[in-house]
């Protein structure tokens, strides 16, 4: 999957442009239009929409605009990133390598990404390929503290998945 489109929030927006339920609705809406489930990553930087490489951006833009109009949401703009397959990797490297930003900025970015992609879901995730590329980026270009933090978050998520699986077996 490749980041084809970014919904840029208004400049004065300091929170997520889409709340989590709206993010899920956008992903479900796009999945209805496509023959597969895209990956929608929601962060304070914007909403990143990942689709198959073959997906046309023009059609995707129409669907996203339709969804935004239905929900009465007004982004600053939509950015076509289809000509740059490494766009999201560069965004992530920018967050990880930003000397001026606090550790909170890159921790928030990594936490949000891991939480949304959830690589340990039983049914798999639409963004698993994106996750693998970001995991590679962090391991190759992240600082020692970023690598350690990323591993800790994955371990914590894995433990939660294991515990919830045991709980469902116990109740079932």
N, C-alpha and C. Protein backbone atom coordinates (compact mmCIF):
# COMPACT_ATOMS: atom_id res chain seq x y z
N UNK A 1 0.84 -1.18 0.00
CA UNK A 1 0.00 0.00 0.00
C UNK A 1 0.89 1.24 0.00
N UNK A 2 0.37 2.27 -0.64
CA UNK A 2 1.10 3.53 -0.81
C UNK A 2 0.21 4.68 -0.34
N UNK A 3 0.82 5.67 0.27
CA UNK A 3 0.06 6.86 0.66
C UNK A 3 -0.28 7.63 -0.60
N UNK A 4 -1.56 7.65 -0.94
CA UNK A 4 -2.01 8.31 -2.17
C UNK A 4 -2.55 9.71 -1.93
N UNK A 5 -3.10 9.92 -0.73
CA UNK A 5 -3.79 11.17 -0.47
C UNK A 5 -3.62 11.55 1.00
N UNK A 6 -3.48 12.85 1.25
CA UNK A 6 -3.40 13.36 2.62
C UNK A 6 -4.46 14.44 2.77
N UNK A 7 -5.26 14.30 3.82
CA UNK A 7 -6.22 15.35 4.17
C UNK A 7 -5.50 16.25 5.16
N UNK A 8 -5.21 17.45 4.74
CA UNK A 8 -4.49 18.41 5.58
C UNK A 8 -5.50 19.18 6.41
N UNK A 9 -5.38 19.13 7.75
CA UNK A 9 -6.33 19.87 8.59
C UNK A 9 -6.08 21.38 8.50
N UNK A 10 -7.06 22.18 8.91
CA UNK A 10 -6.84 23.63 8.95
C UNK A 10 -5.65 23.97 9.84
N UNK A 11 -4.97 25.06 9.54
CA UNK A 11 -3.75 25.44 10.26
C UNK A 11 -3.96 25.60 11.76
N UNK A 12 -5.13 26.06 12.16
CA UNK A 12 -5.38 26.29 13.58
C UNK A 12 -5.79 25.03 14.34
N UNK A 13 -5.87 23.90 13.65
CA UNK A 13 -6.28 22.63 14.27
C UNK A 13 -5.09 21.99 14.98
N UNK A 14 -5.19 21.83 16.30
CA UNK A 14 -4.11 21.23 17.08
C UNK A 14 -4.43 19.79 17.47
N UNK A 15 -5.63 19.34 17.20
CA UNK A 15 -6.05 17.98 17.53
C UNK A 15 -6.21 17.18 16.24
N UNK A 16 -6.67 15.96 16.37
CA UNK A 16 -6.93 15.13 15.20
C UNK A 16 -8.04 15.77 14.36
N UNK A 17 -7.87 15.77 13.06
CA UNK A 17 -8.89 16.33 12.18
C UNK A 17 -10.15 15.47 12.22
N UNK A 18 -9.96 14.15 12.19
CA UNK A 18 -11.08 13.22 12.31
C UNK A 18 -11.01 12.55 13.67
N UNK A 19 -12.13 12.48 14.38
CA UNK A 19 -12.10 11.69 15.60
C UNK A 19 -12.06 10.21 15.19
N UNK A 20 -11.78 9.34 16.13
CA UNK A 20 -11.60 7.91 15.80
C UNK A 20 -12.83 7.29 15.13
N UNK A 21 -14.06 7.56 15.61
CA UNK A 21 -15.22 6.99 14.92
C UNK A 21 -15.33 7.46 13.46
N UNK A 22 -15.05 8.75 13.21
CA UNK A 22 -15.11 9.27 11.83
C UNK A 22 -14.02 8.63 10.97
N UNK A 23 -12.87 8.39 11.57
CA UNK A 23 -11.79 7.72 10.84
C UNK A 23 -12.26 6.33 10.40
N UNK A 24 -12.90 5.60 11.30
CA UNK A 24 -13.44 4.29 10.97
C UNK A 24 -14.51 4.37 9.90
N UNK A 25 -15.35 5.40 9.97
CA UNK A 25 -16.39 5.58 8.95
C UNK A 25 -15.78 5.88 7.59
N UNK A 26 -14.73 6.69 7.57
CA UNK A 26 -14.05 6.98 6.30
C UNK A 26 -13.44 5.71 5.72
N UNK A 27 -12.79 4.93 6.57
CA UNK A 27 -12.18 3.68 6.10
C UNK A 27 -13.25 2.73 5.57
N UNK A 28 -14.37 2.60 6.28
CA UNK A 28 -15.46 1.73 5.84
C UNK A 28 -16.08 2.24 4.54
N UNK A 29 -16.26 3.55 4.43
CA UNK A 29 -16.82 4.15 3.22
C UNK A 29 -15.91 3.86 2.02
N UNK A 30 -14.61 4.05 2.20
CA UNK A 30 -13.68 3.79 1.10
C UNK A 30 -13.62 2.30 0.76
N UNK A 31 -13.73 1.45 1.77
CA UNK A 31 -13.73 0.00 1.52
C UNK A 31 -14.95 -0.41 0.69
N UNK A 32 -16.09 0.27 0.90
CA UNK A 32 -17.28 0.00 0.09
C UNK A 32 -17.04 0.39 -1.37
N UNK A 33 -16.33 1.48 -1.58
CA UNK A 33 -16.08 1.96 -2.93
C UNK A 33 -15.02 1.11 -3.64
N UNK A 34 -14.05 0.65 -2.88
CA UNK A 34 -12.95 -0.15 -3.42
C UNK A 34 -13.29 -1.63 -3.23
N UNK A 35 -12.52 -2.50 -3.77
CA UNK A 35 -12.74 -3.94 -3.57
C UNK A 35 -11.85 -4.47 -2.45
N UNK A 36 -11.31 -3.60 -1.63
CA UNK A 36 -10.43 -3.97 -0.52
C UNK A 36 -10.51 -2.87 0.53
N UNK A 37 -9.91 -3.14 1.69
CA UNK A 37 -9.91 -2.15 2.76
C UNK A 37 -8.63 -1.34 2.70
N UNK A 38 -8.73 -0.03 2.53
CA UNK A 38 -7.53 0.81 2.56
C UNK A 38 -7.08 1.00 4.01
N UNK A 39 -5.94 1.61 4.20
CA UNK A 39 -5.47 1.95 5.54
C UNK A 39 -5.54 3.46 5.69
N UNK A 40 -6.23 3.92 6.72
CA UNK A 40 -6.38 5.35 6.98
C UNK A 40 -5.66 5.64 8.30
N UNK A 41 -4.59 6.43 8.22
CA UNK A 41 -3.82 6.80 9.41
C UNK A 41 -4.14 8.25 9.76
N UNK A 42 -4.62 8.44 10.97
CA UNK A 42 -5.09 9.73 11.44
C UNK A 42 -4.09 10.27 12.47
N UNK A 43 -3.51 11.42 12.20
CA UNK A 43 -2.59 12.04 13.15
C UNK A 43 -2.81 13.55 13.16
N UNK A 44 -2.12 14.23 14.06
CA UNK A 44 -2.25 15.68 14.10
C UNK A 44 -1.65 16.34 12.86
N UNK A 45 -0.80 15.62 12.14
CA UNK A 45 -0.21 16.14 10.91
C UNK A 45 -1.19 16.08 9.74
N UNK A 46 -2.18 15.20 9.84
CA UNK A 46 -3.16 15.04 8.77
C UNK A 46 -3.69 13.62 8.75
N UNK A 47 -4.55 13.35 7.79
CA UNK A 47 -5.11 12.01 7.61
C UNK A 47 -4.47 11.43 6.36
N UNK A 48 -3.72 10.36 6.54
CA UNK A 48 -2.98 9.73 5.45
C UNK A 48 -3.78 8.53 4.95
N UNK A 49 -4.07 8.50 3.66
CA UNK A 49 -4.88 7.42 3.09
C UNK A 49 -3.99 6.56 2.20
N UNK A 50 -3.87 5.29 2.58
CA UNK A 50 -3.04 4.34 1.86
C UNK A 50 -3.93 3.40 1.05
N UNK A 51 -3.61 3.24 -0.22
CA UNK A 51 -4.35 2.32 -1.08
C UNK A 51 -3.35 1.52 -1.90
N UNK A 52 -3.87 0.64 -2.71
CA UNK A 52 -3.01 -0.11 -3.63
C UNK A 52 -2.40 0.86 -4.64
N UNK A 53 -1.23 0.49 -5.14
CA UNK A 53 -0.52 1.35 -6.10
C UNK A 53 -1.35 1.65 -7.34
N UNK A 54 -2.21 0.71 -7.72
CA UNK A 54 -2.98 0.85 -8.96
C UNK A 54 -4.19 1.78 -8.83
N UNK A 55 -4.53 2.16 -7.62
CA UNK A 55 -5.71 3.01 -7.40
C UNK A 55 -5.47 4.41 -7.96
N UNK A 56 -6.43 4.90 -8.74
CA UNK A 56 -6.30 6.26 -9.29
C UNK A 56 -6.62 7.29 -8.20
N UNK A 57 -5.81 8.30 -8.14
CA UNK A 57 -5.96 9.33 -7.12
C UNK A 57 -7.17 10.22 -7.39
N UNK A 58 -7.49 10.42 -8.66
CA UNK A 58 -8.64 11.28 -9.00
C UNK A 58 -9.93 10.71 -8.42
N UNK A 59 -10.14 9.41 -8.61
CA UNK A 59 -11.34 8.76 -8.09
C UNK A 59 -11.33 8.78 -6.57
N UNK A 60 -10.19 8.48 -5.99
CA UNK A 60 -10.05 8.49 -4.54
C UNK A 60 -10.37 9.88 -3.98
N UNK A 61 -9.89 10.91 -4.63
CA UNK A 61 -10.16 12.30 -4.21
C UNK A 61 -11.65 12.61 -4.24
N UNK A 62 -12.33 12.14 -5.29
CA UNK A 62 -13.78 12.35 -5.38
C UNK A 62 -14.50 11.70 -4.21
N UNK A 63 -14.14 10.46 -3.90
CA UNK A 63 -14.78 9.75 -2.79
C UNK A 63 -14.50 10.43 -1.46
N UNK A 64 -13.26 10.84 -1.25
CA UNK A 64 -12.91 11.50 0.01
C UNK A 64 -13.64 12.83 0.13
N UNK A 65 -13.68 13.60 -0.94
CA UNK A 65 -14.42 14.87 -0.92
C UNK A 65 -15.90 14.64 -0.63
N UNK A 66 -16.47 13.60 -1.22
CA UNK A 66 -17.88 13.28 -0.98
C UNK A 66 -18.10 12.96 0.50
N UNK A 67 -17.21 12.15 1.07
CA UNK A 67 -17.32 11.81 2.49
C UNK A 67 -17.22 13.06 3.37
N UNK A 68 -16.24 13.91 3.07
CA UNK A 68 -16.05 15.13 3.86
C UNK A 68 -17.27 16.05 3.76
N UNK A 69 -17.87 16.14 2.58
CA UNK A 69 -19.08 16.95 2.42
C UNK A 69 -20.24 16.37 3.21
N UNK A 70 -20.40 15.03 3.16
CA UNK A 70 -21.48 14.38 3.92
C UNK A 70 -21.33 14.66 5.41
N UNK A 71 -20.09 14.65 5.89
CA UNK A 71 -19.83 14.84 7.32
C UNK A 71 -19.65 16.31 7.70
N UNK A 72 -19.77 17.19 6.71
CA UNK A 72 -19.62 18.64 6.93
C UNK A 72 -18.26 19.00 7.56
N UNK A 73 -17.22 18.39 7.01
CA UNK A 73 -15.85 18.65 7.46
C UNK A 73 -15.14 19.49 6.41
N UNK A 74 -14.32 20.41 6.87
CA UNK A 74 -13.66 21.34 5.95
C UNK A 74 -12.15 21.33 6.17
N UNK A 75 -11.44 20.51 5.41
CA UNK A 75 -9.98 20.50 5.54
C UNK A 75 -9.36 21.72 4.87
N UNK A 76 -8.10 21.97 5.16
CA UNK A 76 -7.41 23.05 4.47
C UNK A 76 -7.26 22.67 3.00
N UNK A 77 -6.85 21.42 2.75
CA UNK A 77 -6.73 20.94 1.37
C UNK A 77 -6.47 19.44 1.35
N UNK A 78 -6.63 18.85 0.16
CA UNK A 78 -6.24 17.46 -0.08
C UNK A 78 -4.93 17.50 -0.85
N UNK A 79 -3.99 16.68 -0.44
CA UNK A 79 -2.68 16.65 -1.10
C UNK A 79 -2.52 15.31 -1.80
N UNK A 80 -2.28 15.35 -3.10
CA UNK A 80 -2.03 14.16 -3.90
C UNK A 80 -0.57 13.76 -3.72
N UNK A 81 -0.34 12.61 -3.11
CA UNK A 81 1.03 12.14 -2.88
C UNK A 81 1.36 10.91 -3.73
N UNK A 82 0.54 10.65 -4.74
CA UNK A 82 0.70 9.43 -5.54
C UNK A 82 2.00 9.39 -6.34
N UNK A 83 2.59 10.54 -6.63
CA UNK A 83 3.84 10.57 -7.38
C UNK A 83 5.06 10.34 -6.51
N UNK A 84 4.86 10.22 -5.21
CA UNK A 84 5.98 10.05 -4.28
C UNK A 84 5.71 8.85 -3.37
N UNK A 85 6.11 7.64 -3.80
CA UNK A 85 5.82 6.44 -3.01
C UNK A 85 6.48 6.43 -1.62
N UNK A 86 7.47 7.26 -1.41
CA UNK A 86 8.16 7.31 -0.11
C UNK A 86 7.72 8.51 0.74
N UNK A 87 6.61 9.10 0.38
CA UNK A 87 6.13 10.29 1.07
C UNK A 87 5.97 10.06 2.57
N UNK A 88 5.25 9.00 2.95
CA UNK A 88 4.99 8.76 4.37
C UNK A 88 6.27 8.41 5.12
N UNK A 89 7.16 7.71 4.47
CA UNK A 89 8.45 7.39 5.10
C UNK A 89 9.20 8.69 5.41
N UNK A 90 9.18 9.63 4.49
CA UNK A 90 9.86 10.91 4.71
C UNK A 90 9.19 11.70 5.84
N UNK A 91 7.86 11.63 5.91
CA UNK A 91 7.14 12.31 7.00
C UNK A 91 7.57 11.72 8.33
N UNK A 92 7.61 10.39 8.40
CA UNK A 92 8.01 9.71 9.64
C UNK A 92 9.45 10.04 10.00
N UNK A 93 10.34 10.02 9.01
CA UNK A 93 11.74 10.38 9.27
C UNK A 93 11.84 11.82 9.76
N UNK A 94 11.00 12.69 9.22
CA UNK A 94 10.98 14.09 9.67
C UNK A 94 10.56 14.22 11.11
N UNK A 95 9.57 13.44 11.52
CA UNK A 95 9.11 13.46 12.91
C UNK A 95 10.19 12.89 13.82
N UNK A 96 10.79 11.76 13.42
CA UNK A 96 11.81 11.12 14.25
C UNK A 96 13.09 11.96 14.34
N UNK A 97 13.43 12.65 13.26
CA UNK A 97 14.68 13.39 13.22
C UNK A 97 14.57 14.86 13.58
N UNK A 98 13.40 15.31 13.98
CA UNK A 98 13.21 16.72 14.30
C UNK A 98 13.87 17.05 15.64
N UNK A 99 14.99 17.75 15.57
CA UNK A 99 15.76 18.10 16.78
C UNK A 99 15.00 19.10 17.66
N UNK A 100 14.17 19.93 17.05
CA UNK A 100 13.48 20.98 17.80
C UNK A 100 12.25 20.45 18.54
N UNK A 101 11.69 19.36 18.04
CA UNK A 101 10.48 18.81 18.66
C UNK A 101 10.87 18.02 19.91
N UNK A 102 9.95 17.95 20.82
CA UNK A 102 10.21 17.19 22.05
C UNK A 102 10.04 15.70 21.77
N UNK A 103 10.47 14.90 22.72
CA UNK A 103 10.29 13.45 22.61
C UNK A 103 8.81 13.11 22.54
N UNK A 104 7.99 13.96 23.11
CA UNK A 104 6.54 13.72 23.08
C UNK A 104 6.02 13.66 21.65
N UNK A 105 6.57 14.47 20.75
CA UNK A 105 6.09 14.50 19.36
C UNK A 105 6.32 13.16 18.67
N UNK A 106 7.54 12.62 18.74
CA UNK A 106 7.78 11.35 18.06
C UNK A 106 7.12 10.19 18.80
N UNK A 107 7.00 10.28 20.12
CA UNK A 107 6.30 9.22 20.86
C UNK A 107 4.83 9.20 20.47
N UNK A 108 4.22 10.38 20.35
CA UNK A 108 2.81 10.46 19.96
C UNK A 108 2.62 9.87 18.56
N UNK A 109 3.53 10.20 17.65
CA UNK A 109 3.44 9.70 16.27
C UNK A 109 3.55 8.17 16.24
N UNK A 110 4.55 7.63 16.93
CA UNK A 110 4.74 6.17 16.94
C UNK A 110 3.58 5.47 17.65
N UNK A 111 3.15 6.00 18.80
CA UNK A 111 2.02 5.41 19.53
C UNK A 111 0.77 5.36 18.67
N UNK A 112 0.48 6.48 18.07
CA UNK A 112 -0.72 6.58 17.24
C UNK A 112 -0.66 5.60 16.09
N UNK A 113 0.49 5.52 15.46
CA UNK A 113 0.65 4.61 14.33
C UNK A 113 0.48 3.16 14.76
N UNK A 114 1.17 2.75 15.82
CA UNK A 114 1.09 1.36 16.28
C UNK A 114 -0.34 1.02 16.69
N UNK A 115 -0.99 1.93 17.41
CA UNK A 115 -2.36 1.70 17.86
C UNK A 115 -3.31 1.52 16.68
N UNK A 116 -3.16 2.35 15.66
CA UNK A 116 -4.09 2.32 14.53
C UNK A 116 -3.84 1.14 13.59
N UNK A 117 -2.59 0.75 13.42
CA UNK A 117 -2.31 -0.35 12.50
C UNK A 117 -2.47 -1.70 13.20
N UNK A 118 -2.23 -1.76 14.50
CA UNK A 118 -2.34 -2.96 15.32
C UNK A 118 -1.85 -4.21 14.58
N UNK A 119 -0.54 -4.42 14.51
CA UNK A 119 0.02 -5.53 13.74
C UNK A 119 -0.31 -6.91 14.30
N UNK A 120 -0.88 -6.99 15.49
CA UNK A 120 -1.18 -8.29 16.09
C UNK A 120 -2.65 -8.66 16.01
N UNK A 121 -3.43 -7.94 15.24
CA UNK A 121 -4.85 -8.29 15.07
C UNK A 121 -4.94 -9.68 14.45
N UNK A 122 -5.91 -10.44 14.90
CA UNK A 122 -6.07 -11.80 14.38
C UNK A 122 -6.44 -11.82 12.91
N UNK A 123 -7.27 -10.88 12.48
CA UNK A 123 -7.72 -10.86 11.09
C UNK A 123 -6.74 -10.15 10.17
N UNK A 124 -5.67 -9.64 10.72
CA UNK A 124 -4.72 -8.89 9.91
C UNK A 124 -5.18 -7.45 9.77
N UNK A 125 -4.33 -6.64 9.27
CA UNK A 125 -4.63 -5.23 9.16
C UNK A 125 -4.40 -4.77 7.74
N UNK A 126 -5.19 -3.79 7.32
CA UNK A 126 -5.01 -3.24 5.98
C UNK A 126 -3.66 -2.56 5.85
N UNK A 127 -3.10 -2.09 6.95
CA UNK A 127 -1.84 -1.35 6.90
C UNK A 127 -0.61 -2.13 7.28
N UNK A 128 -0.68 -3.47 7.24
CA UNK A 128 0.46 -4.26 7.71
C UNK A 128 1.72 -4.01 6.88
N UNK A 129 1.60 -3.81 5.59
CA UNK A 129 2.77 -3.50 4.74
C UNK A 129 3.35 -2.14 5.12
N UNK A 130 2.47 -1.19 5.40
CA UNK A 130 2.91 0.13 5.83
C UNK A 130 3.66 -0.01 7.16
N UNK A 131 3.11 -0.81 8.07
CA UNK A 131 3.75 -1.04 9.36
C UNK A 131 5.15 -1.61 9.17
N UNK A 132 5.29 -2.60 8.30
CA UNK A 132 6.60 -3.22 8.09
C UNK A 132 7.62 -2.21 7.57
N UNK A 133 7.20 -1.31 6.69
CA UNK A 133 8.12 -0.29 6.18
C UNK A 133 8.51 0.71 7.27
N UNK A 134 7.56 1.10 8.10
CA UNK A 134 7.86 2.05 9.17
C UNK A 134 8.74 1.38 10.23
N UNK A 135 8.48 0.12 10.51
CA UNK A 135 9.31 -0.62 11.46
C UNK A 135 10.76 -0.65 10.97
N UNK A 136 10.93 -0.86 9.67
CA UNK A 136 12.27 -0.86 9.07
C UNK A 136 12.91 0.53 9.18
N UNK A 137 12.12 1.56 8.94
CA UNK A 137 12.62 2.93 9.04
C UNK A 137 13.10 3.25 10.45
N UNK A 138 12.30 2.87 11.45
CA UNK A 138 12.68 3.13 12.84
C UNK A 138 13.94 2.35 13.19
N UNK A 139 14.01 1.08 12.78
CA UNK A 139 15.18 0.27 13.14
C UNK A 139 16.45 0.74 12.44
N UNK A 140 16.34 1.29 11.24
CA UNK A 140 17.53 1.74 10.51
C UNK A 140 17.92 3.18 10.83
N UNK A 141 16.93 4.05 11.02
CA UNK A 141 17.24 5.47 11.12
C UNK A 141 16.81 6.14 12.42
N UNK A 142 16.14 5.38 13.28
CA UNK A 142 15.73 5.96 14.56
C UNK A 142 16.88 6.00 15.55
N UNK A 143 16.76 6.85 16.54
CA UNK A 143 17.77 6.91 17.61
C UNK A 143 17.61 5.69 18.50
N UNK A 144 18.57 5.48 19.39
CA UNK A 144 18.51 4.33 20.30
C UNK A 144 17.25 4.40 21.17
N UNK A 145 16.91 5.59 21.65
CA UNK A 145 15.72 5.72 22.50
C UNK A 145 14.44 5.48 21.70
N UNK A 146 14.41 5.87 20.42
CA UNK A 146 13.24 5.64 19.58
C UNK A 146 13.07 4.15 19.29
N UNK A 147 14.17 3.47 19.01
CA UNK A 147 14.11 2.02 18.76
C UNK A 147 13.61 1.29 20.00
N UNK A 148 14.15 1.66 21.16
CA UNK A 148 13.75 1.03 22.42
C UNK A 148 12.27 1.28 22.69
N UNK A 149 11.83 2.50 22.51
CA UNK A 149 10.43 2.86 22.75
C UNK A 149 9.50 2.08 21.82
N UNK A 150 9.87 2.00 20.55
CA UNK A 150 9.07 1.28 19.55
C UNK A 150 8.93 -0.19 19.95
N UNK A 151 10.03 -0.81 20.35
CA UNK A 151 10.00 -2.22 20.77
C UNK A 151 9.14 -2.40 22.02
N UNK A 152 9.26 -1.48 22.97
CA UNK A 152 8.45 -1.57 24.20
C UNK A 152 6.96 -1.48 23.88
N UNK A 153 6.59 -0.55 23.01
CA UNK A 153 5.17 -0.39 22.65
C UNK A 153 4.64 -1.64 21.95
N UNK A 154 5.44 -2.23 21.07
CA UNK A 154 5.03 -3.45 20.39
C UNK A 154 4.87 -4.60 21.38
N UNK A 155 5.80 -4.69 22.32
CA UNK A 155 5.72 -5.75 23.33
C UNK A 155 4.46 -5.59 24.18
N UNK A 156 4.18 -4.36 24.59
CA UNK A 156 2.98 -4.08 25.38
C UNK A 156 1.72 -4.45 24.60
N UNK A 157 1.67 -4.08 23.33
CA UNK A 157 0.51 -4.40 22.49
C UNK A 157 0.37 -5.91 22.32
N UNK A 158 1.48 -6.60 22.12
CA UNK A 158 1.46 -8.06 21.97
C UNK A 158 0.92 -8.71 23.24
N UNK A 159 1.35 -8.22 24.41
CA UNK A 159 0.85 -8.76 25.67
C UNK A 159 -0.64 -8.53 25.83
N UNK A 160 -1.12 -7.36 25.44
CA UNK A 160 -2.56 -7.07 25.52
C UNK A 160 -3.35 -8.00 24.61
N UNK A 161 -2.84 -8.24 23.42
CA UNK A 161 -3.53 -9.13 22.48
C UNK A 161 -3.56 -10.54 23.05
N UNK A 162 -2.45 -10.99 23.63
CA UNK A 162 -2.39 -12.33 24.22
C UNK A 162 -3.38 -12.45 25.37
N UNK A 163 -3.43 -11.43 26.24
CA UNK A 163 -4.36 -11.46 27.36
C UNK A 163 -5.81 -11.45 26.91
N UNK A 164 -6.13 -10.65 25.91
CA UNK A 164 -7.52 -10.60 25.44
C UNK A 164 -7.90 -11.91 24.78
N UNK A 165 -6.96 -12.57 24.12
CA UNK A 165 -7.23 -13.88 23.52
C UNK A 165 -7.52 -14.92 24.58
N UNK A 166 -6.75 -14.89 25.66
CA UNK A 166 -6.96 -15.83 26.78
C UNK A 166 -8.30 -15.55 27.44
N UNK A 167 -8.63 -14.27 27.64
CA UNK A 167 -9.91 -13.91 28.26
C UNK A 167 -11.09 -14.38 27.41
N UNK A 168 -10.99 -14.25 26.10
CA UNK A 168 -12.10 -14.68 25.24
C UNK A 168 -12.24 -16.20 25.26
N UNK A 169 -11.14 -16.93 25.37
CA UNK A 169 -11.21 -18.38 25.48
C UNK A 169 -11.83 -18.78 26.81
N UNK A 170 -11.47 -18.08 27.87
CA UNK A 170 -11.97 -18.37 29.21
C UNK A 170 -13.48 -18.14 29.28
N UNK A 171 -13.95 -17.04 28.68
CA UNK A 171 -15.38 -16.71 28.70
C UNK A 171 -16.18 -17.59 27.75
N UNK A 172 -15.56 -17.99 26.65
CA UNK A 172 -16.27 -18.74 25.61
C UNK A 172 -16.44 -20.15 25.96
